[in-house]
PDB file of N, CA and C in Angstrom:
ATOM      1  N   UNK A   1      87.199  74.913  77.350  1.00  0.00           N
ATOM      2  CA  UNK A   1      87.705  75.913  78.298  1.00  0.00           C
ATOM      3  C   UNK A   1      89.504  76.070  78.431  1.00  0.00           C
ATOM      4  N   UNK A   2      89.854  76.795  78.517  1.00  0.00           N
ATOM      5  CA  UNK A   2      91.525  76.136  78.660  1.00  0.00           C
ATOM      6  C   UNK A   2      91.704  76.277  79.888  1.00  0.00           C
ATOM      7  N   UNK A   3      92.730  76.333  80.310  1.00  0.00           N
ATOM      8  CA  UNK A   3      93.610  75.709  80.908  1.00  0.00           C
ATOM      9  C   UNK A   3      93.697  76.897  82.320  1.00  0.00           C
ATOM     10  N   UNK A   4      94.284  78.090  81.634  1.00  0.00           N
ATOM     11  CA  UNK A   4      94.253  79.255  82.295  1.00  0.00           C
ATOM     12  C   UNK A   4      93.157  79.784  82.903  1.00  0.00           C
ATOM     13  N   UNK A   5      91.608  79.804  81.647  1.00  0.00           N
ATOM     14  CA  UNK A   5      90.847  80.351  82.301  1.00  0.00           C
ATOM     15  C   UNK A   5      89.909  79.540  83.693  1.00  0.00           C
ATOM     16  N   UNK A   6      90.505  78.161  83.604  1.00  0.00           N
ATOM     17  CA  UNK A   6      90.217  77.095  84.977  1.00  0.00           C
ATOM     18  C   UNK A   6      90.490  77.958  85.934  1.00  0.00           C
ATOM     19  N   UNK A   7      92.659  77.745  85.861  1.00  0.00           N
ATOM     20  CA  UNK A   7      92.763  78.279  86.676  1.00  0.00           C
ATOM     21  C   UNK A   7      92.333  80.184  87.554  1.00  0.00           C
ATOM     22  N   UNK A   8      91.754  80.691  86.695  1.00  0.00           N
ATOM     23  CA  UNK A   8      91.753  81.983  86.986  1.00  0.00           C
ATOM     24  C   UNK A   8      90.052  81.801  87.566  1.00  0.00           C
ATOM     25  N   UNK A   9      89.198  80.727  86.989  1.00  0.00           N
ATOM     26  CA  UNK A   9      87.842  80.755  87.731  1.00  0.00           C
ATOM     27  C   UNK A   9      88.518  80.217  88.986  1.00  0.00           C
ATOM     28  N   UNK A  10      89.085  79.308  89.927  1.00  0.00           N
ATOM     29  CA  UNK A  10      89.280  78.763  90.687  1.00  0.00           C
ATOM     30  C   UNK A  10      89.653  79.883  91.471  1.00  0.00           C
ATOM     31  N   UNK A  11      90.506  80.263  90.590  1.00  0.00           N
ATOM     32  CA  UNK A  11      91.274  81.181  91.948  1.00  0.00           C
ATOM     33  C   UNK A  11      90.651  82.875  92.227  1.00  0.00           C
ATOM     34  N   UNK A  12      88.969  83.055  91.482  1.00  0.00           N
ATOM     35  CA  UNK A  12      88.754  83.952  91.604  1.00  0.00           C
ATOM     36  C   UNK A  12      87.493  83.607  92.929  1.00  0.00           C
ATOM     37  N   UNK A  13      87.433  82.257  92.033  1.00  0.00           N
ATOM     38  CA  UNK A  13      86.670  81.870  93.003  1.00  0.00           C
ATOM     39  C   UNK A  13      86.496  80.919  94.697  1.00  0.00           C
ATOM     40  N   UNK A  14      87.880  81.024  95.117  1.00  0.00           N
ATOM     41  CA  UNK A  14      88.877  81.152  96.180  1.00  0.00           C
ATOM     42  C   UNK A  14      88.637  82.135  96.980  1.00  0.00           C
ATOM     43  N   UNK A  15      88.546  83.283  95.677  1.00  0.00           N
ATOM     44  CA  UNK A  15      89.110  84.462  96.409  1.00  0.00           C
ATOM     45  C   UNK A  15      87.212  85.092  96.785  1.00  0.00           C
ATOM     46  N   UNK A  16      86.159  84.594  96.619  1.00  0.00           N
ATOM     47  CA  UNK A  16      84.904  84.656  96.623  1.00  0.00           C
ATOM     48  C   UNK A  16      84.113  84.358  98.076  1.00  0.00           C
ATOM     49  N   UNK A  17      85.115  83.165  97.735  1.00  0.00           N
ATOM     50  CA  UNK A  17      85.107  81.944  99.398  1.00  0.00           C
ATOM     51  C   UNK A  17      85.546  83.452 100.803  1.00  0.00           C
ATOM     52  N   UNK A  18      87.066  83.726 100.364  1.00  0.00           N
ATOM     53  CA  UNK A  18      87.877  84.157 101.740  1.00  0.00           C
ATOM     54  C   UNK A  18      87.246  85.884 102.175  1.00  0.00           C
ATOM     55  N   UNK A  19      86.552  86.096 100.694  1.00  0.00           N
ATOM     56  CA  UNK A  19      86.176  87.278 100.757  1.00  0.00           C
ATOM     57  C   UNK A  19      84.745  87.549 102.136  1.00  0.00           C
ATOM     58  N   UNK A  20      83.815  86.689 101.464  1.00  0.00           N
ATOM     59  CA  UNK A  20      82.683  86.132 102.550  1.00  0.00           C
ATOM     60  C   UNK A  20      82.857  85.961 103.965  1.00  0.00           C
ATOM     61  N   UNK A  21      84.189  84.786 104.153  1.00  0.00           N
ATOM     62  CA  UNK A  21      84.680  84.487 105.219  1.00  0.00           C
ATOM     63  C   UNK A  21      85.123  85.998 105.931  1.00  0.00           C
ATOM     64  N   UNK A  22      86.080  86.570 105.166  1.00  0.00           N
ATOM     65  CA  UNK A  22      86.877  87.910 106.357  1.00  0.00           C
ATOM     66  C   UNK A  22      85.852  88.743 106.558  1.00  0.00           C
ATOM     67  N   UNK A  23      84.993  88.715 105.641  1.00  0.00           N
ATOM     68  CA  UNK A  23      83.866  90.284 105.697  1.00  0.00           C
ATOM     69  C   UNK A  23      83.049  89.655 107.091  1.00  0.00           C
ATOM     70  N   UNK A  24      82.267  88.384 106.567  1.00  0.00           N
ATOM     71  CA  UNK A  24      81.230  87.977 108.350  1.00  0.00           C
ATOM     72  C   UNK A  24      82.111  87.240 109.746  1.00  0.00           C
ATOM     73  N   UNK A  25      83.272  86.129 109.300  1.00  0.00           N
ATOM     74  CA  UNK A  25      83.440  85.605 110.276  1.00  0.00           C
ATOM     75  C   UNK A  25      84.543  86.377 110.790  1.00  0.00           C
ATOM     76  N   UNK A  26      85.514  86.841 109.667  1.00  0.00           N
ATOM     77  CA  UNK A  26      86.907  86.903 110.548  1.00  0.00           C
ATOM     78  C   UNK A  26      86.622  88.289 111.310  1.00  0.00           C
ATOM     79  N   UNK A  27      85.918  89.461 110.746  1.00  0.00           N
ATOM     80  CA  UNK A  27      86.244  90.614 110.880  1.00  0.00           C
ATOM     81  C   UNK A  27      85.037  90.758 112.800  1.00  0.00           C
ATOM     82  N   UNK A  28      84.226  90.120 112.597  1.00  0.00           N
ATOM     83  CA  UNK A  28      83.506  90.042 113.616  1.00  0.00           C
ATOM     84  C   UNK A  28      83.931  89.042 114.773  1.00  0.00           C
ATOM     85  N   UNK A  29      85.499  88.070 114.982  1.00  0.00           N
ATOM     86  CA  UNK A  29      86.002  87.605 115.814  1.00  0.00           C
ATOM     87  C   UNK A  29      87.002  88.039 116.235  1.00  0.00           C
ATOM     88  N   UNK A  30      87.888  89.124 115.072  1.00  0.00           N
ATOM     89  CA  UNK A  30      88.202  90.355 115.589  1.00  0.00           C
ATOM     90  C   UNK A  30      87.827  90.937 116.827  1.00  0.00           C
ATOM     91  N   UNK A  31      86.930  91.854 116.484  1.00  0.00           N
ATOM     92  CA  UNK A  31      86.397  92.502 117.224  1.00  0.00           C
ATOM     93  C   UNK A  31      86.247  91.991 118.189  1.00  0.00           C
ATOM     94  N   UNK A  32      85.943  90.920 118.621  1.00  0.00           N
ATOM     95  CA  UNK A  32      84.784  90.161 119.859  1.00  0.00           C
ATOM     96  C   UNK A  32      86.004  90.043 121.196  1.00  0.00           C
ATOM     97  N   UNK A  33      86.788  89.856 120.173  1.00  0.00           N
ATOM     98  CA  UNK A  33      88.247  89.169 121.174  1.00  0.00           C
ATOM     99  C   UNK A  33      89.207  90.546 121.131  1.00  0.00           C
ATOM    100  N   UNK A  34      88.958  91.860 120.690  1.00  0.00           N
ATOM    101  CA  UNK A  34      89.982  92.589 120.703  1.00  0.00           C
ATOM    102  C   UNK A  34      91.428  92.488 120.083  1.00  0.00           C
ATOM    103  N   UNK A  35      91.330  91.988 118.943  1.00  0.00           N
ATOM    104  CA  UNK A  35      93.023  91.466 118.824  1.00  0.00           C
ATOM    105  C   UNK A  35      93.014  93.046 118.092  1.00  0.00           C
ATOM    106  N   UNK A  36      94.024  93.409 117.911  1.00  0.00           N
ATOM    107  CA  UNK A  36      94.926  93.925 117.599  1.00  0.00           C
ATOM    108  C   UNK A  36      95.641  93.676 116.162  1.00  0.00           C
ATOM    109  N   UNK A  37      94.257  94.034 115.022  1.00  0.00           N
ATOM    110  CA  UNK A  37      95.084  93.073 113.777  1.00  0.00           C
ATOM    111  C   UNK A  37      95.290  94.306 112.990  1.00  0.00           C
ATOM    112  N   UNK A  38      95.769  95.456 112.840  1.00  0.00           N
ATOM    113  CA  UNK A  38      96.585  96.835 111.783  1.00  0.00           C
ATOM    114  C   UNK A  38      95.877  97.378 110.979  1.00  0.00           C
ATOM    115  N   UNK A  39      94.270  96.874 111.866  1.00  0.00           N
ATOM    116  CA  UNK A  39      93.510  97.034 110.790  1.00  0.00           C
ATOM    117  C   UNK A  39      92.958  96.140 109.744  1.00  0.00           C
ATOM    118  N   UNK A  40      93.155  94.897 109.456  1.00  0.00           N
ATOM    119  CA  UNK A  40      92.481  94.371 108.658  1.00  0.00           C
ATOM    120  C   UNK A  40      91.669  93.859 108.909  1.00  0.00           C
ATOM    121  N   UNK A  41      91.158  93.218 109.640  1.00  0.00           N
ATOM    122  CA  UNK A  41      89.883  93.504 109.477  1.00  0.00           C
ATOM    123  C   UNK A  41      88.954  94.023 108.806  1.00  0.00           C
ATOM    124  N   UNK A  42      89.331  95.436 108.892  1.00  0.00           N
ATOM    125  CA  UNK A  42      87.987  96.181 108.289  1.00  0.00           C
ATOM    126  C   UNK A  42      88.785  96.287 106.683  1.00  0.00           C
ATOM    127  N   UNK A  43      89.957  96.552 106.107  1.00  0.00           N
ATOM    128  CA  UNK A  43      90.008  96.424 104.556  1.00  0.00           C
ATOM    129  C   UNK A  43      90.336  95.277 104.171  1.00  0.00           C
ATOM    130  N   UNK A  44      90.545  93.687 104.461  1.00  0.00           N
ATOM    131  CA  UNK A  44      90.681  92.917 103.919  1.00  0.00           C
ATOM    132  C   UNK A  44      89.553  92.518 102.495  1.00  0.00           C
ATOM    133  N   UNK A  45      88.093  92.685 103.329  1.00  0.00           N
ATOM    134  CA  UNK A  45      87.788  92.667 102.620  1.00  0.00           C
ATOM    135  C   UNK A  45      87.674  92.872 101.005  1.00  0.00           C
ATOM    136  N   UNK A  46      88.510  94.325 101.281  1.00  0.00           N
ATOM    137  CA  UNK A  46      88.365  94.789  99.900  1.00  0.00           C
ATOM    138  C   UNK A  46      89.564  94.590  98.959  1.00  0.00           C
ATOM    139  N   UNK A  47      90.558  93.747  99.375  1.00  0.00           N
ATOM    140  CA  UNK A  47      91.846  92.788  98.817  1.00  0.00           C
ATOM    141  C   UNK A  47      91.009  92.126  98.099  1.00  0.00           C
ATOM    142  N   UNK A  48      90.471  91.634  99.005  1.00  0.00           N
ATOM    143  CA  UNK A  48      89.564  89.557  98.340  1.00  0.00           C
ATOM    144  C   UNK A  48      88.632  89.856  97.298  1.00  0.00           C
ATOM    145  N   UNK A  49      88.279  90.954  97.870  1.00  0.00           N
ATOM    146  CA  UNK A  49      86.956  91.516  97.114  1.00  0.00           C
ATOM    147  C   UNK A  49      87.672  92.191  95.500  1.00  0.00           C
ATOM    148  N   UNK A  50      88.407  92.903  95.559  1.00  0.00           N
ATOM    149  CA  UNK A  50      89.264  93.189  93.956  1.00  0.00           C
ATOM    150  C   UNK A  50      89.959  92.166  93.112  1.00  0.00           C
ATOM    151  N   UNK A  51      90.644  91.428  94.489  1.00  0.00           N
ATOM    152  CA  UNK A  51      91.697  89.604  93.853  1.00  0.00           C
ATOM    153  C   UNK A  51      89.823  89.149  92.889  1.00  0.00           C
ATOM    154  N   UNK A  52      88.770  88.954  93.288  1.00  0.00           N
ATOM    155  CA  UNK A  52      88.008  87.824  93.201  1.00  0.00           C
ATOM    156  C   UNK A  52      87.345  88.764  91.892  1.00  0.00           C
ATOM    157  N   UNK A  53      87.282  89.875  91.721  1.00  0.00           N
ATOM    158  CA  UNK A  53      86.315  90.845  90.802  1.00  0.00           C
ATOM    159  C   UNK A  53      87.211  90.238  89.121  1.00  0.00           C
ATOM    160  N   UNK A  54      88.742  90.417  89.526  1.00  0.00           N
ATOM    161  CA  UNK A  54      90.174  90.616  88.351  1.00  0.00           C
ATOM    162  C   UNK A  54      89.651  89.216  88.032  1.00  0.00           C
ATOM    163  N   UNK A  55      90.057  88.734  88.652  1.00  0.00           N
ATOM    164  CA  UNK A  55      89.781  86.776  88.213  1.00  0.00           C
ATOM    165  C   UNK A  55      89.109  85.894  87.803  1.00  0.00           C
ATOM    166  N   UNK A  56      87.717  86.315  88.751  1.00  0.00           N
ATOM    167  CA  UNK A  56      86.487  85.618  88.109  1.00  0.00           C
ATOM    168  C   UNK A  56      85.818  86.101  86.419  1.00  0.00           C
ATOM    169  N   UNK A  57      86.137  87.538  86.979  1.00  0.00           N
ATOM    170  CA  UNK A  57      85.117  87.880  85.790  1.00  0.00           C
ATOM    171  C   UNK A  57      86.576  88.127  84.320  1.00  0.00           C
ATOM    172  N   UNK A  58      87.723  87.443  84.172  1.00  0.00           N
ATOM    173  CA  UNK A  58      88.440  87.788  83.814  1.00  0.00           C
ATOM    174  C   UNK A  58      88.430  86.298  82.864  1.00  0.00           C
ATOM    175  N   UNK A  59      88.564  84.944  83.862  1.00  0.00           N
ATOM    176  CA  UNK A  59      88.068  84.103  83.668  1.00  0.00           C
ATOM    177  C   UNK A  59      87.145  83.907  82.731  1.00  0.00           C
ATOM    178  N   UNK A  60      85.826  84.437  83.085  1.00  0.00           N
ATOM    179  CA  UNK A  60      84.956  83.946  82.650  1.00  0.00           C
ATOM    180  C   UNK A  60      84.588  84.604  81.183  1.00  0.00           C
ATOM    181  N   UNK A  61      86.037  86.125  80.710  1.00  0.00           N
ATOM    182  CA  UNK A  61      85.160  86.660  79.652  1.00  0.00           C
ATOM    183  C   UNK A  61      85.756  85.666  78.344  1.00  0.00           C
ATOM    184  N   UNK A  62      85.928  86.320  77.183  1.00  0.00           N
ATOM    185  CA  UNK A  62      85.921  85.112  75.987  1.00  0.00           C
ATOM    186  C   UNK A  62      87.098  86.095  75.135  1.00  0.00           C
ATOM    187  N   UNK A  63      87.867  87.025  76.260  1.00  0.00           N
ATOM    188  CA  UNK A  63      88.674  87.407  75.565  1.00  0.00           C
ATOM    189  C   UNK A  63      90.130  86.928  75.519  1.00  0.00           C
ATOM    190  N   UNK A  64      91.175  87.486  74.606  1.00  0.00           N
ATOM    191  CA  UNK A  64      92.872  86.361  74.673  1.00  0.00           C
ATOM    192  C   UNK A  64      93.176  86.826  76.162  1.00  0.00           C
ATOM    193  N   UNK A  65      94.209  86.072  76.845  1.00  0.00           N
ATOM    194  CA  UNK A  65      94.746  86.289  78.436  1.00  0.00           C
ATOM    195  C   UNK A  65      96.205  87.161  77.682  1.00  0.00           C
ATOM    196  N   UNK A  66      96.150  87.607  76.316  1.00  0.00           N
ATOM    197  CA  UNK A  66      97.327  88.954  76.138  1.00  0.00           C
ATOM    198  C   UNK A  66      96.805  90.128  77.132  1.00  0.00           C
ATOM    199  N   UNK A  67      95.300  90.347  76.573  1.00  0.00           N
ATOM    200  CA  UNK A  67      94.477  91.478  77.523  1.00  0.00           C
ATOM    201  C   UNK A  67      94.263  91.455  78.564  1.00  0.00           C
ATOM    202  N   UNK A  68      94.470  90.019  79.099  1.00  0.00           N
ATOM    203  CA  UNK A  68      94.500  89.991  80.696  1.00  0.00           C
ATOM    204  C   UNK A  68      94.570  91.397  81.555  1.00  0.00           C
ATOM    205  N   UNK A  69      96.235  91.634  80.971  1.00  0.00           N
ATOM    206  CA  UNK A  69      96.237  93.172  82.606  1.00  0.00           C
ATOM    207  C   UNK A  69      95.360  94.015  82.162  1.00  0.00           C
ATOM    208  N   UNK A  70      94.913  94.732  80.911  1.00  0.00           N
ATOM    209  CA  UNK A  70      94.030  95.702  80.858  1.00  0.00           C
ATOM    210  C   UNK A  70      93.358  95.310  81.386  1.00  0.00           C
ATOM    211  N   UNK A  71      92.049  94.421  80.944  1.00  0.00           N
ATOM    212  CA  UNK A  71      91.419  94.027  82.036  1.00  0.00           C
ATOM    213  C   UNK A  71      91.376  94.299  83.157  1.00  0.00           C
ATOM    214  N   UNK A  72      92.302  93.955  83.960  1.00  0.00           N
ATOM    215  CA  UNK A  72      92.538  93.502  85.369  1.00  0.00           C
ATOM    216  C   UNK A  72      92.351  95.416  86.109  1.00  0.00           C
ATOM    217  N   UNK A  73      92.864  96.118  84.920  1.00  0.00           N
ATOM    218  CA  UNK A  73      93.256  97.433  85.301  1.00  0.00           C
ATOM    219  C   UNK A  73      92.262  98.334  85.040  1.00  0.00           C
ATOM    220  N   UNK A  74      91.120  98.049  83.966  1.00  0.00           N
ATOM    221  CA  UNK A  74      89.961  98.198  84.665  1.00  0.00           C
ATOM    222  C   UNK A  74      89.396  98.172  85.508  1.00  0.00           C
ATOM    223  N   UNK A  75      89.088  96.513  85.664  1.00  0.00           N
ATOM    224  CA  UNK A  75      88.781  95.617  86.950  1.00  0.00           C
ATOM    225  C   UNK A  75      88.645  96.840  88.764  1.00  0.00           C
ATOM    226  N   UNK A  76      90.205  97.437  88.048  1.00  0.00           N
ATOM    227  CA  UNK A  76      90.420  97.533  89.034  1.00  0.00           C
ATOM    228  C   UNK A  76      89.399  99.346  89.451  1.00  0.00           C
ATOM    229  N   UNK A  77      89.517 100.071  88.378  1.00  0.00           N
ATOM    230  CA  UNK A  77      89.135 101.502  88.737  1.00  0.00           C
ATOM    231  C   UNK A  77      88.457 100.949  88.195  1.00  0.00           C
ATOM    232  N   UNK A  78      87.113 100.263  88.503  1.00  0.00           N
ATOM    233  CA  UNK A  78      85.363  99.740  88.917  1.00  0.00           C
ATOM    234  C   UNK A  78      85.722  99.437  90.070  1.00  0.00           C
ATOM    235  N   UNK A  79      86.009  98.761  90.910  1.00  0.00           N
ATOM    236  CA  UNK A  79      86.067  98.377  91.736  1.00  0.00           C
ATOM    237  C   UNK A  79      86.737  99.998  92.982  1.00  0.00           C
ATOM    238  N   UNK A  80      87.581 100.796  92.468  1.00  0.00           N
ATOM    239  CA  UNK A  80      87.564 101.971  93.435  1.00  0.00           C
ATOM    240  C   UNK A  80      86.572 102.692  92.926  1.00  0.00           C
ATOM    241  N   UNK A  81      85.908 102.890  91.867  1.00  0.00           N
ATOM    242  CA  UNK A  81      84.702 103.337  91.576  1.00  0.00           C
ATOM    243  C   UNK A  81      83.563 103.059  92.881  1.00  0.00           C
ATOM    244  N   UNK A  82      83.544 101.694  93.284  1.00  0.00           N
ATOM    245  CA  UNK A  82      83.025 100.999  93.473  1.00  0.00           C
ATOM    246  C   UNK A  82      82.435 101.381  95.172  1.00  0.00           C
ATOM    247  N   UNK A  83      84.312 101.370  95.757  1.00  0.00           N
ATOM    248  CA  UNK A  83      84.502 101.765  96.536  1.00  0.00           C
ATOM    249  C   UNK A  83      83.808 103.080  97.181  1.00  0.00           C
ATOM    250  N   UNK A  84      84.647 104.498  96.365  1.00  0.00           N
ATOM    251  CA  UNK A  84      83.646 105.743  96.487  1.00  0.00           C
ATOM    252  C   UNK A  84      82.540 106.161  96.273  1.00  0.00           C
ATOM    253  N   UNK A  85      81.498 105.105  95.653  1.00  0.00           N
ATOM    254  CA  UNK A  85      80.143 104.786  95.381  1.00  0.00           C
ATOM    255  C   UNK A  85      79.328 104.414  96.894  1.00  0.00           C
ATOM    256  N   UNK A  86      80.115 103.450  97.323  1.00  0.00           N
ATOM    257  CA  UNK A  86      79.393 102.721  98.218  1.00  0.00           C
ATOM    258  C   UNK A  86      78.974 103.816  99.163  1.00  0.00           C
ATOM    259  N   UNK A  87      78.699 105.052 100.149  1.00  0.00           N
ATOM    260  CA  UNK A  87      77.965 105.541 100.561  1.00  0.00           C
ATOM    261  C   UNK A  87      76.284 105.560  99.642  1.00  0.00           C
ATOM    262  N   UNK A  88      76.608 106.130  98.558  1.00  0.00           N
ATOM    263  CA  UNK A  88      75.617 106.601  97.793  1.00  0.00           C
ATOM    264  C   UNK A  88      74.398 105.317  97.350  1.00  0.00           C
ATOM    265  N   UNK A  89      75.173 104.064  96.985  1.00  0.00           N
ATOM    266  CA  UNK A  89      74.514 102.943  96.554  1.00  0.00           C
ATOM    267  C   UNK A  89      73.851 102.346  98.108  1.00  0.00           C
ATOM    268  N   UNK A  90      74.034 103.065  99.271  1.00  0.00           N
ATOM    269  CA  UNK A  90      73.589 102.277 100.447  1.00  0.00           C
ATOM    270  C   UNK A  90      74.030 101.107 100.585  1.00  0.00           C
ATOM    271  N   UNK A  91      75.114 100.293 100.348  1.00  0.00           N
ATOM    272  CA  UNK A  91      76.077  99.498 100.547  1.00  0.00           C
ATOM    273  C   UNK A  91      77.317  99.073 101.404  1.00  0.00           C
ATOM    274  N   UNK A  92      77.593 100.384 102.092  1.00  0.00           N
ATOM    275  CA  UNK A  92      78.943 100.748 103.182  1.00  0.00           C
ATOM    276  C   UNK A  92      79.271 102.126 102.871  1.00  0.00           C
ATOM    277  N   UNK A  93      80.089 102.278 103.504  1.00  0.00           N
ATOM    278  CA  UNK A  93      80.600 103.535 104.355  1.00  0.00           C
ATOM    279  C   UNK A  93      82.158 103.736 103.051  1.00  0.00           C
ATOM    280  N   UNK A  94      82.313 105.038 103.171  1.00  0.00           N
ATOM    281  CA  UNK A  94      83.815 105.319 102.224  1.00  0.00           C
ATOM    282  C   UNK A  94      84.510 105.335 103.149  1.00  0.00           C
ATOM    283  N   UNK A  95      85.719 104.590 103.083  1.00  0.00           N
ATOM    284  CA  UNK A  95      86.731 104.310 103.537  1.00  0.00           C
ATOM    285  C   UNK A  95      87.697 104.744 103.276  1.00  0.00           C
ATOM    286  N   UNK A  96      88.694 105.240 103.745  1.00  0.00           N
ATOM    287  CA  UNK A  96      90.390 105.935 102.370  1.00  0.00           C
ATOM    288  C   UNK A  96      90.836 104.476 102.441  1.00  0.00           C
ATOM    289  N   UNK A  97      91.722 103.482 103.891  1.00  0.00           N
ATOM    290  CA  UNK A  97      92.120 102.418 103.396  1.00  0.00           C
ATOM    291  C   UNK A  97      91.610 101.461 102.619  1.00  0.00           C
ATOM    292  N   UNK A  98      90.390 102.040 102.306  1.00  0.00           N
ATOM    293  CA  UNK A  98      89.585 100.499 101.698  1.00  0.00           C
ATOM    294  C   UNK A  98      90.002 101.320  99.919  1.00  0.00           C
ATOM    295  N   UNK A  99      89.699 102.749  99.857  1.00  0.00           N
ATOM    296  CA  UNK A  99      90.688 103.121  98.706  1.00  0.00           C
ATOM    297  C   UNK A  99      92.019 101.922  98.669  1.00  0.00           C
ATOM    298  N   UNK A 100      92.198 102.600  99.614  1.00  0.00           N
ATOM    299  CA  UNK A 100      93.975 102.277  99.425  1.00  0.00           C
ATOM    300  C   UNK A 100      94.223 100.983  99.387  1.00  0.00           C
ATOM    301  N   UNK A 101      93.645 100.266  99.576  1.00  0.00           N
ATOM    302  CA  UNK A 101      94.187  98.239  99.570  1.00  0.00           C
ATOM    303  C   UNK A 101      93.466  98.073  98.093  1.00  0.00           C
ATOM    304  N   UNK A 102      92.515  98.805  98.022  1.00  0.00           N
ATOM    305  CA  UNK A 102      92.260  98.024  96.423  1.00  0.00           C
ATOM    306  C   UNK A 102      92.869  98.664  95.633  1.00  0.00           C
ATOM    307  N   UNK A 103      93.237 100.001  95.604  1.00  0.00           N
ATOM    308  CA  UNK A 103      94.633  99.973  94.465  1.00  0.00           C
ATOM    309  C   UNK A 103      95.922  99.407  95.065  1.00  0.00           C
ATOM    310  N   UNK A 104      96.199  98.946  95.954  1.00  0.00           N
ATOM    311  CA  UNK A 104      98.008  98.441  95.807  1.00  0.00           C
ATOM    312  C   UNK A 104      96.848  96.584  95.759  1.00  0.00           C
ATOM    313  N   UNK A 105      96.279  96.162  95.958  1.00  0.00           N
ATOM    314  CA  UNK A 105      96.025  94.885  95.683  1.00  0.00           C
ATOM    315  C   UNK A 105      96.002  94.960  93.902  1.00  0.00           C
ATOM    316  N   UNK A 106      95.269  95.672  93.722  1.00  0.00           N
ATOM    317  CA  UNK A 106      94.575  95.734  91.151  1.00  0.00           C
ATOM    318  C   UNK A 106      96.174  95.677  90.822  1.00  0.00           C
ATOM    319  N   UNK A 107      96.530  96.962  91.819  1.00  0.00           N
ATOM    320  CA  UNK A 107      98.692  96.872  90.917  1.00  0.00           C
ATOM    321  C   UNK A 107      99.175  95.531  90.871  1.00  0.00           C
ATOM    322  N   UNK A 108      98.986  95.033  91.945  1.00  0.00           N
ATOM    323  CA  UNK A 108      99.732  94.041  92.527  1.00  0.00           C
ATOM    324  C   UNK A 108      98.974  92.529  91.488  1.00  0.00           C
ATOM    325  N   UNK A 109      98.235  92.161  91.531  1.00  0.00           N
ATOM    326  CA  UNK A 109      97.719  91.704  90.344  1.00  0.00           C
ATOM    327  C   UNK A 109      97.509  92.432  89.045  1.00  0.00           C
ATOM    328  N   UNK A 110      97.642  93.251  88.544  1.00  0.00           N
ATOM    329  CA  UNK A 110      98.180  94.077  87.112  1.00  0.00           C
ATOM    330  C   UNK A 110      99.638  93.664  86.925  1.00  0.00           C
ATOM    331  N   UNK A 111     100.509  93.939  87.425  1.00  0.00           N
ATOM    332  CA  UNK A 111     101.767  93.588  88.070  1.00  0.00           C
ATOM    333  C   UNK A 111     102.151  91.778  87.142  1.00  0.00           C
ATOM    334  N   UNK A 112     101.391  91.184  88.489  1.00  0.00           N
ATOM    335  CA  UNK A 112     101.689  89.905  87.977  1.00  0.00           C
ATOM    336  C   UNK A 112     101.474  89.102  87.022  1.00  0.00           C
ATOM    337  N   UNK A 113      99.972  90.182  86.451  1.00  0.00           N
ATOM    338  CA  UNK A 113      99.520  89.568  84.919  1.00  0.00           C
ATOM    339  C   UNK A 113     100.715  89.738  83.492  1.00  0.00           C
ATOM    340  N   UNK A 114     100.794  90.924  83.983  1.00  0.00           N
ATOM    341  CA  UNK A 114     102.100  91.429  83.248  1.00  0.00           C
ATOM    342  C   UNK A 114     102.995  90.182  82.814  1.00  0.00           C
ATOM    343  N   UNK A 115     103.809  90.097  84.449  1.00  0.00           N
ATOM    344  CA  UNK A 115     104.811  89.853  84.159  1.00  0.00           C
ATOM    345  C   UNK A 115     104.450  88.015  83.838  1.00  0.00           C
ATOM    346  N   UNK A 116     103.506  87.359  84.255  1.00  0.00           N
ATOM    347  CA  UNK A 116     103.044  86.389  83.898  1.00  0.00           C
ATOM    348  C   UNK A 116     103.079  86.470  82.563  1.00  0.00           C
ATOM    349  N   UNK A 117     102.113  87.191  81.850  1.00  0.00           N
ATOM    350  CA  UNK A 117     102.588  87.419  80.140  1.00  0.00           C
ATOM    351  C   UNK A 117     103.673  87.542  79.113  1.00  0.00           C
ATOM    352  N   UNK A 118     104.546  88.410  79.866  1.00  0.00           N
ATOM    353  CA  UNK A 118     106.283  88.224  79.415  1.00  0.00           C
ATOM    354  C   UNK A 118     106.499  86.860  79.381  1.00  0.00           C
ATOM    355  N   UNK A 119     106.792  86.106  80.617  1.00  0.00           N
ATOM    356  CA  UNK A 119     107.035  85.034  80.483  1.00  0.00           C
ATOM    357  C   UNK A 119     106.074  84.328  79.454  1.00  0.00           C
ATOM    358  N   UNK A 120     105.247  83.542  79.290  1.00  0.00           N
ATOM    359  CA  UNK A 120     104.478  83.315  78.458  1.00  0.00           C
ATOM    360  C   UNK A 120     104.750  83.543  76.782  1.00  0.00           C
ATOM    361  N   UNK A 121     105.133  84.658  76.870  1.00  0.00           N
ATOM    362  CA  UNK A 121     105.393  84.439  75.023  1.00  0.00           C
ATOM    363  C   UNK A 121     106.834  84.655  74.866  1.00  0.00           C
ATOM    364  N   UNK A 122     107.840  84.463  75.676  1.00  0.00           N
ATOM    365  CA  UNK A 122     109.199  84.345  75.789  1.00  0.00           C
ATOM    366  C   UNK A 122     109.549  82.800  76.182  1.00  0.00           C
ATOM    367  N   UNK A 123     108.125  81.440  76.261  1.00  0.00           N
ATOM    368  CA  UNK A 123     108.337  80.908  76.548  1.00  0.00           C
ATOM    369  C   UNK A 123     107.636  80.048  75.174  1.00  0.00           C
ATOM    370  N   UNK A 124     106.948  81.059  74.810  1.00  0.00           N
ATOM    371  CA  UNK A 124     106.390  80.461  72.817  1.00  0.00           C
ATOM    372  C   UNK A 124     107.211  80.621  72.255  1.00  0.00           C
ATOM    373  N   UNK A 125     107.872  81.913  72.076  1.00  0.00           N
ATOM    374  CA  UNK A 125     108.754  82.435  71.013  1.00  0.00           C
ATOM    375  C   UNK A 125     110.407  81.217  71.408  1.00  0.00           C
TER     376      UNK A 125
END
């Protein structure tokens, strides 16, 4: 397994733990202590969950790293569809801020992957 795949899997696993902590402990702590965190407790799991999905699935896939930005974009679209379908699936409620959080987090990761791909190509040549 290549070093980049290991980095992706470790990053994805780290964000998986953060997603669990955000959803389970941070949100309850903010609500019980009436902390004004600008709604972060509500949409933070959407941000970390999107990052988890992108890094874990790309890290576990057999595709080349060159395709990572387009794969990340596809995974972001999948996360958007999941956010919209939550009421139908019975896994949550639809919230526009969650949808915005998924799109922003996904776009940042896609952009970072594009930049890192360009740097890797420039370094190799």
